[in-house]
C-alpha atoms as a PDB file:
ATOM      1  CA  UNK A   1       0.000   0.000   0.000  1.00  0.00           C
ATOM      2  CA  UNK A   2       1.574   3.283  -1.065  1.00  0.00           C
ATOM      3  CA  UNK A   3       1.460   6.426   1.047  1.00  0.00           C
ATOM      4  CA  UNK A   4      -0.393   9.410  -0.403  1.00  0.00           C
ATOM      5  CA  UNK A   5       1.176  12.810  -0.643  1.00  0.00           C
ATOM      6  CA  UNK A   6      -0.394  15.337   1.747  1.00  0.00           C
ATOM      7  CA  UNK A   7      -3.444  17.094   0.326  1.00  0.00           C
ATOM      8  CA  UNK A   8      -4.044  20.635   1.549  1.00  0.00           C
ATOM      9  CA  UNK A   9      -7.689  21.618   1.708  1.00  0.00           C
ATOM     10  CA  UNK A  10      -8.185  25.382   1.577  1.00  0.00           C
ATOM     11  CA  UNK A  11     -10.647  26.751   4.143  1.00  0.00           C
ATOM     12  CA  UNK A  12     -14.173  26.653   2.793  1.00  0.00           C
ATOM     13  CA  UNK A  13     -13.355  23.991   0.190  1.00  0.00           C
ATOM     14  CA  UNK A  14     -13.257  20.218  -0.059  1.00  0.00           C
ATOM     15  CA  UNK A  15     -11.092  17.476  -1.514  1.00  0.00           C
ATOM     16  CA  UNK A  16     -11.598  13.815  -2.313  1.00  0.00           C
ATOM     17  CA  UNK A  17      -9.080  10.984  -2.388  1.00  0.00           C
ATOM     18  CA  UNK A  18      -9.369   7.360  -3.474  1.00  0.00           C
ATOM     19  CA  UNK A  19      -8.248   4.869  -0.864  1.00  0.00           C
ATOM     20  CA  UNK A  20      -7.710   1.147  -0.797  1.00  0.00           C
ATOM     21  CA  UNK A  21      -9.402  -0.942   1.870  1.00  0.00           C
ATOM     22  CA  UNK A  22      -7.412  -0.731   5.097  1.00  0.00           C
ATOM     23  CA  UNK A  23      -5.784   2.594   4.230  1.00  0.00           C
ATOM     24  CA  UNK A  24      -5.484   5.307   6.881  1.00  0.00           C
ATOM     25  CA  UNK A  25      -6.318   8.975   6.493  1.00  0.00           C
ATOM     26  CA  UNK A  26      -5.215  11.721   8.840  1.00  0.00           C
ATOM     27  CA  UNK A  27      -7.221  14.942   8.813  1.00  0.00           C
ATOM     28  CA  UNK A  28      -5.441  17.892  10.381  1.00  0.00           C
ATOM     29  CA  UNK A  29      -7.516  20.981  11.089  1.00  0.00           C
ATOM     30  CA  UNK A  30      -4.816  23.661  10.990  1.00  0.00           C
ATOM     31  CA  UNK A  31      -7.107  26.455  12.153  1.00  0.00           C
ATOM     32  CA  UNK A  32      -8.783  24.447  14.890  1.00  0.00           C
ATOM     33  CA  UNK A  33     -12.281  25.893  14.614  1.00  0.00           C
ATOM     34  CA  UNK A  34     -13.333  25.059  11.064  1.00  0.00           C
ATOM     35  CA  UNK A  35     -16.045  22.431  10.713  1.00  0.00           C
ATOM     36  CA  UNK A  36     -14.729  19.385   8.871  1.00  0.00           C
ATOM     37  CA  UNK A  37     -17.265  17.130   7.185  1.00  0.00           C
ATOM     38  CA  UNK A  38     -16.100  13.704   6.107  1.00  0.00           C
ATOM     39  CA  UNK A  39     -17.809  11.330   3.717  1.00  0.00           C
ATOM     40  CA  UNK A  40     -16.888   7.798   2.743  1.00  0.00           C
ATOM     41  CA  UNK A  41     -18.298   5.976  -0.247  1.00  0.00           C
ATOM     42  CA  UNK A  42     -17.802   2.508  -1.645  1.00  0.00           C
ATOM     43  CA  UNK A  43     -15.763   3.137  -4.802  1.00  0.00           C
ATOM     44  CA  UNK A  44     -17.316   0.087  -6.480  1.00  0.00           C
ATOM     45  CA  UNK A  45     -20.903   1.025  -5.619  1.00  0.00           C
ATOM     46  CA  UNK A  46     -21.504   4.733  -5.051  1.00  0.00           C
ATOM     47  CA  UNK A  47     -24.988   4.027  -3.720  1.00  0.00           C
ATOM     48  CA  UNK A  48     -23.300   2.561  -0.621  1.00  0.00           C
ATOM     49  CA  UNK A  49     -22.001   5.329   1.629  1.00  0.00           C
ATOM     50  CA  UNK A  50     -21.224   6.112   5.251  1.00  0.00           C
ATOM     51  CA  UNK A  51     -24.503   6.373   7.166  1.00  0.00           C
ATOM     52  CA  UNK A  52     -24.811   8.177  10.459  1.00  0.00           C
ATOM     53  CA  UNK A  53     -28.199   6.535  11.067  1.00  0.00           C
ATOM     54  CA  UNK A  54     -26.718   3.016  10.770  1.00  0.00           C
ATOM     55  CA  UNK A  55     -23.653   4.025  12.776  1.00  0.00           C
ATOM     56  CA  UNK A  56     -25.612   5.556  15.660  1.00  0.00           C
ATOM     57  CA  UNK A  57     -27.923   2.549  15.877  1.00  0.00           C
ATOM     58  CA  UNK A  58     -25.012   0.110  16.026  1.00  0.00           C
ATOM     59  CA  UNK A  59     -22.690   2.107  18.307  1.00  0.00           C
ATOM     60  CA  UNK A  60     -25.649   3.199  20.463  1.00  0.00           C
ATOM     61  CA  UNK A  61     -24.299   6.742  20.905  1.00  0.00           C
ATOM     62  CA  UNK A  62     -24.585  10.112  19.209  1.00  0.00           C
ATOM     63  CA  UNK A  63     -20.937  11.128  19.481  1.00  0.00           C
ATOM     64  CA  UNK A  64     -18.230   8.778  18.229  1.00  0.00           C
ATOM     65  CA  UNK A  65     -15.301   7.787  20.409  1.00  0.00           C
ATOM     66  CA  UNK A  66     -11.963   6.153  19.653  1.00  0.00           C
ATOM     67  CA  UNK A  67     -12.389   2.688  18.250  1.00  0.00           C
ATOM     68  CA  UNK A  68     -15.887   3.308  16.907  1.00  0.00           C
ATOM     69  CA  UNK A  69     -16.573   1.962  13.447  1.00  0.00           C
ATOM     70  CA  UNK A  70     -18.766   3.880  11.029  1.00  0.00           C
ATOM     71  CA  UNK A  71     -21.138   1.844   8.913  1.00  0.00           C
ATOM     72  CA  UNK A  72     -22.582   2.248   5.468  1.00  0.00           C
ATOM     73  CA  UNK A  73     -26.246   2.344   4.565  1.00  0.00           C
ATOM     74  CA  UNK A  74     -25.765  -1.416   3.967  1.00  0.00           C
ATOM     75  CA  UNK A  75     -24.494  -1.695   7.574  1.00  0.00           C
ATOM     76  CA  UNK A  76     -20.963  -2.630   6.543  1.00  0.00           C
ATOM     77  CA  UNK A  77     -17.870  -1.115   8.161  1.00  0.00           C
ATOM     78  CA  UNK A  78     -16.306   1.694   6.131  1.00  0.00           C
ATOM     79  CA  UNK A  79     -14.271   3.827   8.601  1.00  0.00           C
ATOM     80  CA  UNK A  80     -12.839   3.268  12.082  1.00  0.00           C
ATOM     81  CA  UNK A  81     -11.821   6.198  14.284  1.00  0.00           C
ATOM     82  CA  UNK A  82      -8.282   5.339  15.431  1.00  0.00           C
ATOM     83  CA  UNK A  83      -6.991   8.742  16.593  1.00  0.00           C
ATOM     84  CA  UNK A  84      -8.678  11.957  17.671  1.00  0.00           C
ATOM     85  CA  UNK A  85      -6.910  15.081  18.885  1.00  0.00           C
ATOM     86  CA  UNK A  86      -9.804  17.526  18.711  1.00  0.00           C
ATOM     87  CA  UNK A  87     -10.876  19.119  21.983  1.00  0.00           C
ATOM     88  CA  UNK A  88     -14.407  19.319  20.561  1.00  0.00           C
ATOM     89  CA  UNK A  89     -17.318  16.957  20.168  1.00  0.00           C
ATOM     90  CA  UNK A  90     -18.071  15.195  16.894  1.00  0.00           C
ATOM     91  CA  UNK A  91     -21.653  15.524  15.771  1.00  0.00           C
ATOM     92  CA  UNK A  92     -23.464  12.768  13.891  1.00  0.00           C
ATOM     93  CA  UNK A  93     -26.917  14.352  13.941  1.00  0.00           C
ATOM     94  CA  UNK A  94     -26.660  17.688  12.146  1.00  0.00           C
ATOM     95  CA  UNK A  95     -26.680  17.446   8.369  1.00  0.00           C
ATOM     96  CA  UNK A  96     -23.798  18.967   6.461  1.00  0.00           C
ATOM     97  CA  UNK A  97     -24.401  22.569   5.479  1.00  0.00           C
ATOM     98  CA  UNK A  98     -25.755  23.285   2.014  1.00  0.00           C
ATOM     99  CA  UNK A  99     -26.738  26.305  -0.068  1.00  0.00           C
ATOM    100  CA  UNK A 100     -30.371  25.974   1.065  1.00  0.00           C
ATOM    101  CA  UNK A 101     -29.399  26.263   4.727  1.00  0.00           C
ATOM    102  CA  UNK A 102     -27.463  29.464   4.069  1.00  0.00           C
ATOM    103  CA  UNK A 103     -30.402  30.923   2.159  1.00  0.00           C
ATOM    104  CA  UNK A 104     -32.671  30.143   5.130  1.00  0.00           C
ATOM    105  CA  UNK A 105     -30.116  31.809   7.418  1.00  0.00           C
ATOM    106  CA  UNK A 106     -30.333  35.000   5.320  1.00  0.00           C
ATOM    107  CA  UNK A 107     -27.197  34.723   3.190  1.00  0.00           C
ATOM    108  CA  UNK A 108     -27.396  36.787   0.039  1.00  0.00           C
ATOM    109  CA  UNK A 109     -25.949  35.201  -3.089  1.00  0.00           C
ATOM    110  CA  UNK A 110     -23.883  32.040  -3.144  1.00  0.00           C
ATOM    111  CA  UNK A 111     -22.228  30.838   0.059  1.00  0.00           C
ATOM    112  CA  UNK A 112     -19.653  28.032  -0.053  1.00  0.00           C
ATOM    113  CA  UNK A 113     -20.899  24.949   1.742  1.00  0.00           C
ATOM    114  CA  UNK A 114     -19.980  21.395   2.659  1.00  0.00           C
ATOM    115  CA  UNK A 115     -22.382  19.661   0.318  1.00  0.00           C
ATOM    116  CA  UNK A 116     -21.118  21.542  -2.757  1.00  0.00           C
ATOM    117  CA  UNK A 117     -17.546  20.975  -1.533  1.00  0.00           C
ATOM    118  CA  UNK A 118     -18.210  17.226  -1.611  1.00  0.00           C
ATOM    119  CA  UNK A 119     -19.475  17.375  -5.174  1.00  0.00           C
ATOM    120  CA  UNK A 120     -16.578  19.638  -6.225  1.00  0.00           C
ATOM    121  CA  UNK A 121     -13.988  17.358  -4.594  1.00  0.00           C
ATOM    122  CA  UNK A 122     -15.420  14.253  -6.241  1.00  0.00           C
ATOM    123  CA  UNK A 123     -15.530  15.959  -9.637  1.00  0.00           C
ATOM    124  CA  UNK A 124     -11.797  16.713  -9.307  1.00  0.00           C
ATOM    125  CA  UNK A 125     -11.110  12.954  -9.220  1.00  0.00           C
ATOM    126  CA  UNK A 126     -13.655  12.144 -11.936  1.00  0.00           C
ATOM    127  CA  UNK A 127     -16.530  10.907  -9.756  1.00  0.00           C
ATOM    128  CA  UNK A 128     -20.162  11.966 -10.105  1.00  0.00           C
ATOM    129  CA  UNK A 129     -22.671  10.829  -7.510  1.00  0.00           C
ATOM    130  CA  UNK A 130     -25.761   9.066  -8.870  1.00  0.00           C
ATOM    131  CA  UNK A 131     -27.909  10.823  -6.218  1.00  0.00           C
ATOM    132  CA  UNK A 132     -28.007  13.823  -3.880  1.00  0.00           C
ATOM    133  CA  UNK A 133     -26.180  13.284  -0.576  1.00  0.00           C
ATOM    134  CA  UNK A 134     -26.631  15.255   2.630  1.00  0.00           C
ATOM    135  CA  UNK A 135     -24.847  13.142   5.213  1.00  0.00           C
ATOM    136  CA  UNK A 136     -22.140  14.721   7.382  1.00  0.00           C
ATOM    137  CA  UNK A 137     -19.593  13.545   9.921  1.00  0.00           C
ATOM    138  CA  UNK A 138     -17.062  15.273  12.080  1.00  0.00           C
ATOM    139  CA  UNK A 139     -18.801  18.538  12.703  1.00  0.00           C
ATOM    140  CA  UNK A 140     -17.390  20.058  15.856  1.00  0.00           C
ATOM    141  CA  UNK A 141     -20.241  22.149  17.209  1.00  0.00           C
ATOM    142  CA  UNK A 142     -18.713  22.751  20.641  1.00  0.00           C
ATOM    143  CA  UNK A 143     -17.726  26.316  19.773  1.00  0.00           C
ATOM    144  CA  UNK A 144     -21.198  27.142  18.448  1.00  0.00           C
ATOM    145  CA  UNK A 145     -23.057  26.424  21.702  1.00  0.00           C
END
């Protein structure tokens, strides 16, 4: 298994990478307060993706802890949390932000958002989702309370 070169994600944007089964990813939030949404999809079947509903039901908790495995909508393991240095709390309930949320919040014109960042990141690696996805992970809402 080869090691990937670091990928810098500019604030307010998103990136996608292809990984082999068993690969590890390290997300480093250099600013410390930016929300980081993370998606995982089965590269061989894009209709199978990380599901917070399946994960919460299996782990029987709202906030993931070290060692928790995240499941797909087919209830198969897709990610395991092996390290966590954030002082915040990971949210598995709140949907990732999207342009509609910002409109409802009073934003005028286009506002960058997590859902469009997902689509943009996937397009950069030649992937188009066969459906609309609004599933988020890793939102640290502790500073917004």
